[in-house]
Amino acid sequence: MGKEMRMAYDDEGDILDISIGDPEKAVSREVEDDFFLRVNPVSGEVVGFSILNFRKWFKGAKDIKTLPIKADLIAS
């Protein structure tokens, strides 16, 4: 069974946070400026990510950002 994706945006801090599945302990790894993966320290599974300075990343409607990660997503 798949895991739910939860999204939250902190307007004051300008942080977009995405969590995959139920909250769990994780270690954050910066993979690019202002982009952090949260990884389960035991299994190595990605359990979420955060983007700091989110508005700066996407100033215009046509801005596109590519990240050095791969994902398999399945709709339920």
N, C-alpha and C. Protein backbone atom coordinates (compact mmCIF):
# COMPACT_ATOMS: atom_id res chain seq x y z
N MET A 1 0.84 -1.18 0.00
CA MET A 1 0.00 0.00 0.00
C MET A 1 0.89 1.24 0.00
N GLY A 2 0.48 2.27 -0.73
CA GLY A 2 1.25 3.50 -0.82
C GLY A 2 1.13 4.35 0.43
N LYS A 3 1.96 5.35 0.49
CA LYS A 3 1.96 6.27 1.62
C LYS A 3 1.39 7.61 1.17
N GLU A 4 0.69 8.27 2.08
CA GLU A 4 0.16 9.59 1.78
C GLU A 4 1.27 10.62 1.78
N MET A 5 1.11 11.61 0.93
CA MET A 5 2.04 12.73 0.88
C MET A 5 1.36 13.92 1.55
N ARG A 6 2.05 14.51 2.51
CA ARG A 6 1.51 15.66 3.23
C ARG A 6 2.35 16.89 2.88
N MET A 7 1.67 18.00 2.59
CA MET A 7 2.36 19.23 2.23
C MET A 7 1.96 20.34 3.19
N ALA A 8 2.93 21.15 3.56
CA ALA A 8 2.66 22.31 4.42
C ALA A 8 3.57 23.45 3.97
N TYR A 9 3.03 24.65 4.00
CA TYR A 9 3.82 25.82 3.63
C TYR A 9 3.79 26.82 4.77
N ASP A 10 4.96 27.26 5.21
CA ASP A 10 5.10 28.29 6.24
C ASP A 10 5.40 29.60 5.53
N ASP A 11 4.38 30.46 5.44
CA ASP A 11 4.52 31.72 4.71
C ASP A 11 5.54 32.64 5.35
N GLU A 12 5.54 32.72 6.67
CA GLU A 12 6.47 33.61 7.37
C GLU A 12 7.92 33.16 7.17
N GLY A 13 8.16 31.87 7.27
CA GLY A 13 9.51 31.34 7.10
C GLY A 13 9.86 31.03 5.65
N ASP A 14 8.86 31.06 4.77
CA ASP A 14 9.00 30.76 3.35
C ASP A 14 9.62 29.37 3.14
N ILE A 15 8.97 28.38 3.78
CA ILE A 15 9.45 26.99 3.72
C ILE A 15 8.32 26.08 3.26
N LEU A 16 8.58 25.31 2.20
CA LEU A 16 7.64 24.28 1.77
C LEU A 16 8.15 22.96 2.34
N ASP A 17 7.26 22.23 3.00
CA ASP A 17 7.63 20.95 3.61
C ASP A 17 6.72 19.86 3.07
N ILE A 18 7.33 18.79 2.59
CA ILE A 18 6.60 17.63 2.07
C ILE A 18 7.01 16.42 2.91
N SER A 19 6.02 15.71 3.45
CA SER A 19 6.29 14.48 4.20
C SER A 19 5.63 13.32 3.48
N ILE A 20 6.31 12.18 3.49
CA ILE A 20 5.80 10.98 2.85
C ILE A 20 5.52 9.95 3.95
N GLY A 21 4.25 9.61 4.11
CA GLY A 21 3.87 8.66 5.15
C GLY A 21 3.76 9.31 6.51
N ASP A 22 3.65 8.47 7.53
CA ASP A 22 3.53 8.95 8.91
C ASP A 22 4.84 9.57 9.37
N PRO A 23 4.77 10.55 10.29
CA PRO A 23 6.01 11.15 10.81
C PRO A 23 6.92 10.09 11.43
N GLU A 24 8.20 10.24 11.19
CA GLU A 24 9.18 9.32 11.77
C GLU A 24 10.53 10.03 11.90
N LYS A 25 11.41 9.44 12.68
CA LYS A 25 12.74 10.02 12.86
C LYS A 25 13.47 10.02 11.53
N ALA A 26 14.20 11.11 11.29
CA ALA A 26 14.91 11.23 10.02
C ALA A 26 16.13 12.13 10.20
N VAL A 27 17.03 11.99 9.25
CA VAL A 27 18.21 12.84 9.17
C VAL A 27 18.06 13.67 7.91
N SER A 28 18.34 14.97 8.02
CA SER A 28 18.24 15.85 6.86
C SER A 28 19.58 15.92 6.14
N ARG A 29 19.50 15.91 4.81
CA ARG A 29 20.69 16.02 3.96
C ARG A 29 20.43 17.11 2.93
N GLU A 30 21.31 18.11 2.87
CA GLU A 30 21.16 19.15 1.86
C GLU A 30 21.71 18.62 0.54
N VAL A 31 20.85 18.55 -0.49
CA VAL A 31 21.28 18.03 -1.78
C VAL A 31 21.51 19.15 -2.79
N GLU A 32 21.03 20.32 -2.47
CA GLU A 32 21.25 21.51 -3.27
C GLU A 32 20.93 22.70 -2.36
N ASP A 33 21.43 23.87 -2.70
CA ASP A 33 21.16 25.04 -1.85
C ASP A 33 19.67 25.12 -1.54
N ASP A 34 19.35 25.18 -0.26
CA ASP A 34 17.98 25.34 0.25
C ASP A 34 17.07 24.13 0.03
N PHE A 35 17.57 23.00 -0.46
CA PHE A 35 16.75 21.81 -0.66
C PHE A 35 17.30 20.68 0.20
N PHE A 36 16.46 20.19 1.11
CA PHE A 36 16.88 19.15 2.05
C PHE A 36 16.01 17.91 1.90
N LEU A 37 16.64 16.75 1.77
CA LEU A 37 15.94 15.47 1.83
C LEU A 37 15.93 15.01 3.28
N ARG A 38 14.82 14.43 3.72
CA ARG A 38 14.77 13.79 5.03
C ARG A 38 14.78 12.29 4.79
N VAL A 39 15.75 11.62 5.42
CA VAL A 39 15.99 10.20 5.16
C VAL A 39 15.94 9.43 6.47
N ASN A 40 15.27 8.28 6.45
CA ASN A 40 15.27 7.39 7.60
C ASN A 40 16.70 6.89 7.78
N PRO A 41 17.31 7.11 8.98
CA PRO A 41 18.72 6.75 9.16
C PRO A 41 18.99 5.25 9.14
N VAL A 42 17.99 4.42 9.34
CA VAL A 42 18.18 2.97 9.35
C VAL A 42 17.99 2.38 7.95
N SER A 43 16.85 2.70 7.33
CA SER A 43 16.53 2.09 6.03
C SER A 43 17.07 2.87 4.84
N GLY A 44 17.37 4.16 5.05
CA GLY A 44 17.83 5.00 3.95
C GLY A 44 16.70 5.50 3.07
N GLU A 45 15.45 5.17 3.44
CA GLU A 45 14.28 5.58 2.67
C GLU A 45 14.02 7.08 2.83
N VAL A 46 13.70 7.75 1.73
CA VAL A 46 13.35 9.16 1.78
C VAL A 46 11.95 9.29 2.38
N VAL A 47 11.83 10.08 3.45
CA VAL A 47 10.54 10.24 4.13
C VAL A 47 10.00 11.67 3.98
N GLY A 48 10.72 12.51 3.26
CA GLY A 48 10.22 13.85 3.01
C GLY A 48 11.31 14.76 2.50
N PHE A 49 10.92 16.00 2.24
CA PHE A 49 11.89 17.00 1.85
C PHE A 49 11.36 18.39 2.17
N SER A 50 12.26 19.33 2.24
CA SER A 50 11.93 20.72 2.55
C SER A 50 12.65 21.63 1.58
N ILE A 51 11.96 22.70 1.19
CA ILE A 51 12.56 23.72 0.34
C ILE A 51 12.52 25.03 1.11
N LEU A 52 13.70 25.53 1.47
CA LEU A 52 13.80 26.83 2.12
C LEU A 52 13.78 27.91 1.04
N ASN A 53 13.34 29.11 1.41
CA ASN A 53 13.27 30.23 0.46
C ASN A 53 12.49 29.83 -0.80
N PHE A 54 11.35 29.21 -0.58
CA PHE A 54 10.55 28.66 -1.66
C PHE A 54 10.18 29.71 -2.72
N ARG A 55 9.76 30.89 -2.30
CA ARG A 55 9.37 31.94 -3.26
C ARG A 55 10.55 32.36 -4.13
N LYS A 56 11.75 32.37 -3.56
CA LYS A 56 12.94 32.73 -4.33
C LYS A 56 13.19 31.71 -5.45
N TRP A 57 12.92 30.43 -5.17
CA TRP A 57 13.11 29.38 -6.16
C TRP A 57 12.19 29.57 -7.35
N PHE A 58 10.97 30.04 -7.09
CA PHE A 58 9.95 30.13 -8.13
C PHE A 58 9.41 31.56 -8.21
N LYS A 59 10.24 32.47 -8.66
CA LYS A 59 9.86 33.88 -8.76
C LYS A 59 8.82 34.11 -9.84
N GLY A 60 8.93 33.42 -10.95
CA GLY A 60 8.00 33.61 -12.06
C GLY A 60 7.19 32.36 -12.32
N ALA A 61 6.08 32.54 -13.03
CA ALA A 61 5.18 31.41 -13.31
C ALA A 61 5.84 30.35 -14.18
N LYS A 62 6.88 30.72 -14.94
CA LYS A 62 7.51 29.77 -15.85
C LYS A 62 8.80 29.17 -15.28
N ASP A 63 9.15 29.52 -14.04
CA ASP A 63 10.37 28.99 -13.43
C ASP A 63 10.24 27.48 -13.22
N ILE A 64 11.28 26.75 -13.60
CA ILE A 64 11.33 25.30 -13.41
C ILE A 64 12.66 24.97 -12.74
N LYS A 65 12.61 24.11 -11.74
CA LYS A 65 13.81 23.71 -11.02
C LYS A 65 13.95 22.20 -11.13
N THR A 66 15.12 21.74 -11.53
CA THR A 66 15.40 20.31 -11.62
C THR A 66 16.34 19.93 -10.49
N LEU A 67 16.04 18.82 -9.82
CA LEU A 67 16.82 18.37 -8.68
C LEU A 67 17.49 17.03 -8.97
N PRO A 68 18.60 16.75 -8.31
CA PRO A 68 19.34 15.51 -8.57
C PRO A 68 18.78 14.32 -7.78
N ILE A 69 17.45 14.11 -7.88
CA ILE A 69 16.83 12.96 -7.21
C ILE A 69 15.88 12.29 -8.19
N LYS A 70 15.60 11.02 -7.95
CA LYS A 70 14.63 10.27 -8.75
C LYS A 70 13.54 9.75 -7.83
N ALA A 71 12.32 9.65 -8.34
CA ALA A 71 11.21 9.18 -7.51
C ALA A 71 10.27 8.32 -8.34
N ASP A 72 9.68 7.35 -7.68
CA ASP A 72 8.61 6.55 -8.28
C ASP A 72 7.35 6.88 -7.50
N LEU A 73 6.38 7.48 -8.17
CA LEU A 73 5.12 7.84 -7.53
C LEU A 73 4.01 7.04 -8.17
N ILE A 74 3.10 6.54 -7.34
CA ILE A 74 2.00 5.75 -7.82
C ILE A 74 0.71 6.33 -7.26
N ALA A 75 -0.22 6.68 -8.11
CA ALA A 75 -1.52 7.21 -7.66
C ALA A 75 -2.38 6.07 -7.20
N SER A 76 -3.14 6.31 -6.14
CA SER A 76 -4.04 5.25 -5.67
C SER A 76 -5.45 5.52 -6.08
